[in-house]
Structures are given as structure tokens and as C-alpha cells.
Amino acid sequence: MIRICSLFIIITAVAISPIVTTNFYAYAVQAIWRDYEDMKELVKDIRNGNKDDDNMDWDKFRDSTVYKNENEDIRDCIDLANKVGGKLGDYEIVRCFDNGNYYKEKYTDEKGIKSEQNASKQQEVNQSQSQQQQQQEVNQSQSQQQQQEVNQSQSQNEEDVSQTQNSSDVNPPEGCDSSYPDICISISSAKLSCFDIPYKNFKVLLPDRHEFDSDGDGIGCEG
């Protein structure tokens, strides 16, 4: 019985050993940076062949002390390397460490990066065109408003001139006030009111000496 148990333990250990070894190796490969706080030392060991991982876990590496302690240019370079390559390899870490602009310079003319740049430029153009269109609409509205004010002013001037001409062109009966061409109000009469005369709704021209047209609409003693 003891021999059978021992044999079972040995077989189980042999079967599990490759799995444990594989998982340990996978963890070690996916975290080649875990023993470092300075990227300089990590890059040194990668160059010497002591560390090797062609498909690094980007999310874990991004949260590592090694990544966070580096300057912004190198971090941006690593971000771009992961983005355009679809994965991150140890050799890309080395290249970015040597030249923070390595992948930016390399992929400036590549389709993916160029498309983003074109999209950004197109967005800026669209925004500029939208702003120009809005400004044109504002200018057009202001111009229309100014033209309306000019037209109103001209119309009022023409009306005033017309009233003045009508006042001067009327030839009332002798002794009648020319401001009231439809009726005869004596020029020599004292100041009157609508209660003093029998007329209603008659034409009034300037000057309205008796103030029969109190609201200035050209009709006297309305009612």
C-alpha cells in the first residue's frame, strides 16, 4: 500500500512539474521589469541577454515603477511603440530609452499615424470653417439690421418732407388755416380745442397750432 501511494505521488509530481515550471516561466517573462526601479539597469540586462520578452504585458508594465520613473518623452515613445505594433517587446524599450523620438520619427509617414494627423488637421479645418460661417452669419445679420435702420430713417425723412410739402402746397380758402385743409379754421382765431369745433376726423398738417392732432397721426379730433 505504501509503495502504491509513493508511486502515485511521484507520478503526480512529474505531471504537475511542467505546468508549474511553465507558469513560473511565463510569469517571469511577463514581468522582466519587476526587480527594477531604474530603466537604465533593465535596458542594460536586456542588451546583455539577461532579460527577454517579445510580448510584454503592456498594462502591467505601464503600472510599474520602471515606467513611471522615466521621463515623458520615453514614456510617450513606449506608448507609441505599443500602439503601432499591437504589442510591446523588450527591444522597443531599448530603442525608446536610446531615443525618445525613435518611433515618432519612424512612423510619421506610416498610414496609421498619418491618418490620425490628417483627421486632427481636418477637425481643425472644420472648426475653422464653422467659426468663419458663424462670423459671416453674424456679419450678415448686423448688415441687414443696419440696412433696415437706414431704410426706416429714409422712409421717415421722406414722410416728413411729404408732410411739409403738403402743408406748403395747400391753398386753403382765404382766411383759413392751411394746417387744416379739409375744414376752415380762421387764422385769426384764438387757440381752440376739439370741444370748440363741430368737426371730427379731419386732415391735419404741420404746424398744428391748435393741437387738434394730439397723437401726431395726421388726423384731428378723432372720435
C-alpha atoms as a PDB file:
ATOM      1  CA  MET A   1       0.000   0.000   0.000  1.00  0.00           C
ATOM      2  CA  ILE A   2       2.836   2.390   0.875  1.00  0.00           C
ATOM      3  CA  ARG A   3       4.536   1.621  -2.428  1.00  0.00           C
ATOM      4  CA  ILE A   4       1.336   2.380  -4.337  1.00  0.00           C
ATOM      5  CA  CYS A   5       0.945   5.746  -2.569  1.00  0.00           C
ATOM      6  CA  SER A   6       4.566   6.639  -3.204  1.00  0.00           C
ATOM      7  CA  LEU A   7       4.208   5.739  -6.863  1.00  0.00           C
ATOM      8  CA  PHE A   8       1.059   7.896  -7.133  1.00  0.00           C
ATOM      9  CA  ILE A   9       2.842  10.873  -5.547  1.00  0.00           C
ATOM     10  CA  ILE A  10       5.781  10.522  -7.928  1.00  0.00           C
ATOM     11  CA  ILE A  11       3.516  10.325 -10.995  1.00  0.00           C
ATOM     12  CA  THR A  12       1.513  13.363  -9.829  1.00  0.00           C
ATOM     13  CA  ALA A  13       4.664  15.368  -9.200  1.00  0.00           C
ATOM     14  CA  VAL A  14       6.038  14.518 -12.641  1.00  0.00           C
ATOM     15  CA  ALA A  15       2.752  15.546 -14.269  1.00  0.00           C
ATOM     16  CA  ILE A  16       2.439  18.831 -12.382  1.00  0.00           C
ATOM     17  CA  SER A  17       6.071  19.852 -12.614  1.00  0.00           C
ATOM     18  CA  PRO A  18       5.990  21.016 -16.277  1.00  0.00           C
ATOM     19  CA  ILE A  19       2.834  23.052 -15.612  1.00  0.00           C
ATOM     20  CA  VAL A  20       4.333  24.771 -12.578  1.00  0.00           C
ATOM     21  CA  THR A  21       7.577  25.365 -14.429  1.00  0.00           C
ATOM     22  CA  THR A  22       5.733  26.773 -17.456  1.00  0.00           C
ATOM     23  CA  ASN A  23       3.592  29.102 -15.349  1.00  0.00           C
ATOM     24  CA  PHE A  24       6.590  30.295 -13.393  1.00  0.00           C
ATOM     25  CA  TYR A  25       8.495  30.950 -16.602  1.00  0.00           C
ATOM     26  CA  ALA A  26       5.521  32.764 -18.118  1.00  0.00           C
ATOM     27  CA  TYR A  27       5.247  34.985 -15.062  1.00  0.00           C
ATOM     28  CA  ALA A  28       8.947  35.664 -15.159  1.00  0.00           C
ATOM     29  CA  VAL A  29       8.776  36.551 -18.864  1.00  0.00           C
ATOM     30  CA  GLN A  30       5.761  38.809 -18.444  1.00  0.00           C
ATOM     31  CA  ALA A  31       7.388  40.736 -15.600  1.00  0.00           C
ATOM     32  CA  ILE A  32      11.030  41.129 -16.600  1.00  0.00           C
ATOM     33  CA  TRP A  33      10.926  44.616 -15.091  1.00  0.00           C
ATOM     34  CA  ARG A  34       9.665  43.602 -11.631  1.00  0.00           C
ATOM     35  CA  ASP A  35      13.100  43.695  -9.933  1.00  0.00           C
ATOM     36  CA  TYR A  36      13.999  47.139 -11.295  1.00  0.00           C
ATOM     37  CA  GLU A  37      13.241  50.713 -10.362  1.00  0.00           C
ATOM     38  CA  ASP A  38      15.544  52.258 -12.956  1.00  0.00           C
ATOM     39  CA  MET A  39      15.041  51.611 -16.669  1.00  0.00           C
ATOM     40  CA  LYS A  40      18.751  52.067 -17.252  1.00  0.00           C
ATOM     41  CA  GLU A  41      19.544  48.814 -15.440  1.00  0.00           C
ATOM     42  CA  LEU A  42      16.689  46.986 -17.185  1.00  0.00           C
ATOM     43  CA  VAL A  43      17.923  48.128 -20.607  1.00  0.00           C
ATOM     44  CA  LYS A  44      21.431  47.031 -19.686  1.00  0.00           C
ATOM     45  CA  ASP A  45      20.292  43.489 -18.831  1.00  0.00           C
ATOM     46  CA  ILE A  46      18.116  43.277 -21.971  1.00  0.00           C
ATOM     47  CA  ARG A  47      21.141  44.166 -24.093  1.00  0.00           C
ATOM     48  CA  ASN A  48      23.225  41.575 -22.299  1.00  0.00           C
ATOM     49  CA  GLY A  49      20.566  38.927 -22.949  1.00  0.00           C
ATOM     50  CA  ASN A  50      19.715  38.510 -19.270  1.00  0.00           C
ATOM     51  CA  LYS A  51      16.124  39.649 -19.864  1.00  0.00           C
ATOM     52  CA  ASP A  52      13.981  38.713 -22.832  1.00  0.00           C
ATOM     53  CA  ASP A  53      10.283  39.200 -23.607  1.00  0.00           C
ATOM     54  CA  ASP A  54       8.945  39.921 -27.111  1.00  0.00           C
ATOM     55  CA  ASN A  55       5.369  40.293 -25.918  1.00  0.00           C
ATOM     56  CA  MET A  56       5.375  42.224 -22.671  1.00  0.00           C
ATOM     57  CA  ASP A  57       2.166  42.746 -20.688  1.00  0.00           C
ATOM     58  CA  TRP A  58       1.515  46.394 -21.505  1.00  0.00           C
ATOM     59  CA  ASP A  59      -0.991  47.062 -18.732  1.00  0.00           C
ATOM     60  CA  LYS A  60       1.286  45.660 -16.054  1.00  0.00           C
ATOM     61  CA  PHE A  61       4.364  47.384 -17.421  1.00  0.00           C
ATOM     62  CA  ARG A  62       2.540  50.723 -17.612  1.00  0.00           C
ATOM     63  CA  ASP A  63       1.812  50.485 -13.867  1.00  0.00           C
ATOM     64  CA  SER A  64       5.384  49.552 -12.989  1.00  0.00           C
ATOM     65  CA  THR A  65       7.841  51.759 -11.142  1.00  0.00           C
ATOM     66  CA  VAL A  66      10.314  51.466 -14.025  1.00  0.00           C
ATOM     67  CA  TYR A  67       7.853  53.040 -16.459  1.00  0.00           C
ATOM     68  CA  LYS A  68       6.567  55.725 -14.109  1.00  0.00           C
ATOM     69  CA  ASN A  69      10.066  56.861 -13.115  1.00  0.00           C
ATOM     70  CA  GLU A  70      11.070  57.605 -16.709  1.00  0.00           C
ATOM     71  CA  ASN A  71      10.720  60.992 -18.390  1.00  0.00           C
ATOM     72  CA  GLU A  72       7.717  61.888 -20.518  1.00  0.00           C
ATOM     73  CA  ASP A  73       9.485  61.543 -23.883  1.00  0.00           C
ATOM     74  CA  ILE A  74      10.475  57.945 -23.223  1.00  0.00           C
ATOM     75  CA  ARG A  75       7.009  57.079 -21.892  1.00  0.00           C
ATOM     76  CA  ASP A  76       5.402  58.626 -24.986  1.00  0.00           C
ATOM     77  CA  CYS A  77       7.778  56.678 -27.209  1.00  0.00           C
ATOM     78  CA  ILE A  78       6.906  53.398 -25.465  1.00  0.00           C
ATOM     79  CA  ASP A  79       3.188  54.195 -25.718  1.00  0.00           C
ATOM     80  CA  LEU A  80       3.540  54.774 -29.459  1.00  0.00           C
ATOM     81  CA  ALA A  81       5.595  51.609 -29.925  1.00  0.00           C
ATOM     82  CA  ASN A  82       2.879  49.541 -28.237  1.00  0.00           C
ATOM     83  CA  LYS A  83       0.164  51.287 -30.243  1.00  0.00           C
ATOM     84  CA  VAL A  84       1.608  50.920 -33.732  1.00  0.00           C
ATOM     85  CA  GLY A  85       2.994  47.411 -33.136  1.00  0.00           C
ATOM     86  CA  GLY A  86      -0.021  45.977 -31.382  1.00  0.00           C
ATOM     87  CA  LYS A  87       2.318  44.668 -28.676  1.00  0.00           C
ATOM     88  CA  LEU A  88       5.403  45.699 -26.736  1.00  0.00           C
ATOM     89  CA  GLY A  89       8.778  43.972 -26.983  1.00  0.00           C
ATOM     90  CA  ASP A  90      11.896  44.400 -24.869  1.00  0.00           C
ATOM     91  CA  TYR A  91      13.829  45.679 -27.916  1.00  0.00           C
ATOM     92  CA  GLU A  92      11.338  48.566 -28.214  1.00  0.00           C
ATOM     93  CA  ILE A  93      12.100  49.549 -24.634  1.00  0.00           C
ATOM     94  CA  VAL A  94      15.775  49.733 -25.547  1.00  0.00           C
ATOM     95  CA  ARG A  95      15.131  51.862 -28.657  1.00  0.00           C
ATOM     96  CA  CYS A  96      12.941  54.315 -26.782  1.00  0.00           C
ATOM     97  CA  PHE A  97      15.480  54.558 -23.989  1.00  0.00           C
ATOM     98  CA  ASP A  98      18.184  55.447 -26.536  1.00  0.00           C
ATOM     99  CA  ASN A  99      15.965  57.879 -28.499  1.00  0.00           C
ATOM    100  CA  GLY A 100      12.647  59.147 -27.176  1.00  0.00           C
ATOM    101  CA  ASN A 101      11.624  60.210 -30.701  1.00  0.00           C
ATOM    102  CA  TYR A 102      12.554  56.930 -32.394  1.00  0.00           C
ATOM    103  CA  TYR A 103       9.040  55.678 -33.205  1.00  0.00           C
ATOM    104  CA  LYS A 104       7.644  59.148 -33.720  1.00  0.00           C
ATOM    105  CA  GLU A 105      10.227  59.745 -36.459  1.00  0.00           C
ATOM    106  CA  LYS A 106       9.839  56.258 -37.889  1.00  0.00           C
ATOM    107  CA  TYR A 107       6.069  56.238 -38.196  1.00  0.00           C
ATOM    108  CA  THR A 108       5.457  59.862 -39.157  1.00  0.00           C
ATOM    109  CA  ASP A 109       4.700  58.795 -42.736  1.00  0.00           C
ATOM    110  CA  GLU A 110       3.046  55.492 -41.863  1.00  0.00           C
ATOM    111  CA  LYS A 111      -0.612  55.133 -42.761  1.00  0.00           C
ATOM    112  CA  GLY A 112      -1.904  54.786 -39.224  1.00  0.00           C
ATOM    113  CA  ILE A 113      -0.152  57.821 -37.794  1.00  0.00           C
ATOM    114  CA  LYS A 114      -0.727  59.857 -40.922  1.00  0.00           C
ATOM    115  CA  SER A 115      -4.446  59.118 -40.770  1.00  0.00           C
ATOM    116  CA  GLU A 116      -4.599  60.406 -37.201  1.00  0.00           C
ATOM    117  CA  GLN A 117      -2.705  63.531 -38.168  1.00  0.00           C
ATOM    118  CA  ASN A 118      -4.966  64.095 -41.163  1.00  0.00           C
ATOM    119  CA  ALA A 119      -8.038  63.553 -39.009  1.00  0.00           C
ATOM    120  CA  SER A 120      -6.720  66.070 -36.493  1.00  0.00           C
ATOM    121  CA  LYS A 121      -5.968  68.596 -39.232  1.00  0.00           C
ATOM    122  CA  GLN A 122      -9.374  68.036 -40.831  1.00  0.00           C
ATOM    123  CA  GLN A 123     -11.039  68.614 -37.477  1.00  0.00           C
ATOM    124  CA  GLU A 124      -9.160  71.881 -37.100  1.00  0.00           C
ATOM    125  CA  VAL A 125     -10.190  72.902 -40.620  1.00  0.00           C
ATOM    126  CA  ASN A 126     -13.824  72.031 -39.910  1.00  0.00           C
ATOM    127  CA  GLN A 127     -13.779  74.043 -36.699  1.00  0.00           C
ATOM    128  CA  SER A 128     -12.218  76.987 -38.506  1.00  0.00           C
ATOM    129  CA  GLN A 129     -14.807  76.817 -41.289  1.00  0.00           C
ATOM    130  CA  SER A 130     -17.622  76.588 -38.747  1.00  0.00           C
ATOM    131  CA  GLN A 131     -16.309  79.641 -36.918  1.00  0.00           C
ATOM    132  CA  GLN A 132     -15.978  81.548 -40.187  1.00  0.00           C
ATOM    133  CA  GLN A 133     -19.524  80.603 -41.180  1.00  0.00           C
ATOM    134  CA  GLN A 134     -20.872  81.718 -37.811  1.00  0.00           C
ATOM    135  CA  GLN A 135     -18.995  85.011 -38.134  1.00  0.00           C
ATOM    136  CA  GLN A 136     -20.384  85.509 -41.634  1.00  0.00           C
ATOM    137  CA  GLU A 137     -23.894  84.911 -40.352  1.00  0.00           C
ATOM    138  CA  VAL A 138     -23.342  87.432 -37.557  1.00  0.00           C
ATOM    139  CA  ASN A 139     -21.944  89.982 -40.006  1.00  0.00           C
ATOM    140  CA  GLN A 140     -24.839  89.381 -42.406  1.00  0.00           C
ATOM    141  CA  SER A 141     -27.370  89.803 -39.620  1.00  0.00           C
ATOM    142  CA  GLN A 142     -25.713  93.025 -38.479  1.00  0.00           C
ATOM    143  CA  SER A 143     -25.609  94.294 -42.062  1.00  0.00           C
ATOM    144  CA  GLN A 144     -29.304  93.535 -42.562  1.00  0.00           C
ATOM    145  CA  GLN A 145     -30.178  95.268 -39.315  1.00  0.00           C
ATOM    146  CA  GLN A 146     -28.156  98.340 -40.274  1.00  0.00           C
ATOM    147  CA  GLN A 147     -29.829  98.408 -43.708  1.00  0.00           C
ATOM    148  CA  GLN A 148     -33.260  98.204 -42.099  1.00  0.00           C
ATOM    149  CA  GLU A 149     -32.394 101.105 -39.836  1.00  0.00           C
ATOM    150  CA  VAL A 150     -31.197 103.128 -42.841  1.00  0.00           C
ATOM    151  CA  ASN A 151     -34.376 102.310 -44.771  1.00  0.00           C
ATOM    152  CA  GLN A 152     -36.546 103.275 -41.817  1.00  0.00           C
ATOM    153  CA  SER A 153     -34.662 106.544 -41.440  1.00  0.00           C
ATOM    154  CA  GLN A 154     -35.022 107.330 -45.146  1.00  0.00           C
ATOM    155  CA  SER A 155     -38.719 106.467 -45.052  1.00  0.00           C
ATOM    156  CA  GLN A 156     -39.264 108.746 -42.060  1.00  0.00           C
ATOM    157  CA  ASN A 157     -37.379 111.571 -43.760  1.00  0.00           C
ATOM    158  CA  GLU A 158     -39.451 111.138 -46.911  1.00  0.00           C
ATOM    159  CA  GLU A 159     -42.628 111.178 -44.848  1.00  0.00           C
ATOM    160  CA  ASP A 160     -41.564 114.347 -43.048  1.00  0.00           C
ATOM    161  CA  VAL A 161     -40.694 116.006 -46.356  1.00  0.00           C
ATOM    162  CA  SER A 162     -44.026 114.909 -47.822  1.00  0.00           C
ATOM    163  CA  GLN A 163     -45.936 116.367 -44.897  1.00  0.00           C
ATOM    164  CA  THR A 164     -44.007 119.621 -45.170  1.00  0.00           C
ATOM    165  CA  GLN A 165     -44.642 119.813 -48.897  1.00  0.00           C
ATOM    166  CA  ASN A 166     -48.324 119.052 -48.437  1.00  0.00           C
ATOM    167  CA  SER A 167     -48.541 121.770 -45.834  1.00  0.00           C
ATOM    168  CA  SER A 168     -46.887 124.305 -48.083  1.00  0.00           C
ATOM    169  CA  ASP A 169     -48.708 123.236 -51.271  1.00  0.00           C
ATOM    170  CA  VAL A 170     -52.234 123.517 -49.875  1.00  0.00           C
ATOM    171  CA  ASN A 171     -54.124 126.656 -50.847  1.00  0.00           C
ATOM    172  CA  PRO A 172     -56.955 126.936 -48.310  1.00  0.00           C
ATOM    173  CA  PRO A 173     -59.773 129.418 -48.663  1.00  0.00           C
ATOM    174  CA  GLU A 174     -58.785 132.953 -47.834  1.00  0.00           C
ATOM    175  CA  GLY A 175     -58.543 133.479 -44.069  1.00  0.00           C
ATOM    176  CA  CYS A 176     -58.471 129.713 -43.290  1.00  0.00           C
ATOM    177  CA  ASP A 177     -55.558 128.000 -41.514  1.00  0.00           C
ATOM    178  CA  SER A 178     -53.604 125.887 -44.036  1.00  0.00           C
ATOM    179  CA  SER A 179     -52.867 123.244 -41.378  1.00  0.00           C
ATOM    180  CA  TYR A 180     -56.488 122.077 -41.679  1.00  0.00           C
ATOM    181  CA  PRO A 181     -57.212 121.844 -45.437  1.00  0.00           C
ATOM    182  CA  ASP A 182     -60.454 119.864 -45.078  1.00  0.00           C
ATOM    183  CA  ILE A 183     -62.130 122.430 -42.842  1.00  0.00           C
ATOM    184  CA  CYS A 184     -61.853 126.161 -42.295  1.00  0.00           C
ATOM    185  CA  ILE A 185     -60.349 127.340 -39.061  1.00  0.00           C
ATOM    186  CA  SER A 186     -59.769 131.079 -39.054  1.00  0.00           C
ATOM    187  CA  ILE A 187     -56.176 132.169 -38.981  1.00  0.00           C
ATOM    188  CA  SER A 188     -57.063 134.905 -36.547  1.00  0.00           C
ATOM    189  CA  SER A 189     -58.985 132.702 -34.136  1.00  0.00           C
ATOM    190  CA  ALA A 190     -57.751 132.176 -30.617  1.00  0.00           C
ATOM    191  CA  LYS A 191     -56.411 128.757 -29.683  1.00  0.00           C
ATOM    192  CA  LEU A 192     -59.170 126.167 -29.946  1.00  0.00           C
ATOM    193  CA  SER A 193     -59.756 122.594 -28.845  1.00  0.00           C
ATOM    194  CA  CYS A 194     -61.797 119.779 -30.329  1.00  0.00           C
ATOM    195  CA  PHE A 195     -64.641 120.704 -27.990  1.00  0.00           C
ATOM    196  CA  ASP A 196     -64.800 124.165 -29.568  1.00  0.00           C
ATOM    197  CA  ILE A 197     -65.403 122.982 -33.149  1.00  0.00           C
ATOM    198  CA  PRO A 198     -68.010 120.730 -34.777  1.00  0.00           C
ATOM    199  CA  TYR A 199     -65.531 118.791 -36.929  1.00  0.00           C
ATOM    200  CA  LYS A 200     -64.207 115.240 -36.425  1.00  0.00           C
ATOM    201  CA  ASN A 201     -61.551 113.123 -38.128  1.00  0.00           C
ATOM    202  CA  PHE A 202     -60.208 115.796 -40.455  1.00  0.00           C
ATOM    203  CA  LYS A 203     -56.782 116.071 -42.041  1.00  0.00           C
ATOM    204  CA  VAL A 204     -54.091 117.889 -40.042  1.00  0.00           C
ATOM    205  CA  LEU A 205     -50.797 119.242 -41.412  1.00  0.00           C
ATOM    206  CA  LEU A 206     -47.904 120.833 -39.607  1.00  0.00           C
ATOM    207  CA  PRO A 207     -47.804 123.155 -37.855  1.00  0.00           C
ATOM    208  CA  ASP A 208     -50.825 122.131 -35.780  1.00  0.00           C
ATOM    209  CA  ARG A 209     -51.313 125.426 -33.957  1.00  0.00           C
ATOM    210  CA  HIS A 210     -54.462 124.303 -32.170  1.00  0.00           C
ATOM    211  CA  GLU A 211     -53.064 120.830 -31.384  1.00  0.00           C
ATOM    212  CA  PHE A 212     -56.092 119.065 -32.795  1.00  0.00           C
ATOM    213  CA  ASP A 213     -53.834 116.073 -33.716  1.00  0.00           C
ATOM    214  CA  SER A 214     -52.636 115.155 -30.230  1.00  0.00           C
ATOM    215  CA  ASP A 215     -51.242 111.753 -31.237  1.00  0.00           C
ATOM    216  CA  GLY A 216     -49.463 113.028 -34.383  1.00  0.00           C
ATOM    217  CA  ASP A 217     -51.086 110.582 -36.824  1.00  0.00           C
ATOM    218  CA  GLY A 218     -52.309 113.333 -39.229  1.00  0.00           C
ATOM    219  CA  ILE A 219     -55.989 113.082 -38.176  1.00  0.00           C
ATOM    220  CA  GLY A 220     -57.549 115.720 -35.964  1.00  0.00           C
ATOM    221  CA  CYS A 221     -60.231 115.330 -33.318  1.00  0.00           C
ATOM    222  CA  GLU A 222     -60.565 111.606 -33.780  1.00  0.00           C
ATOM    223  CA  GLY A 223     -63.664 110.016 -32.385  1.00  0.00           C
END
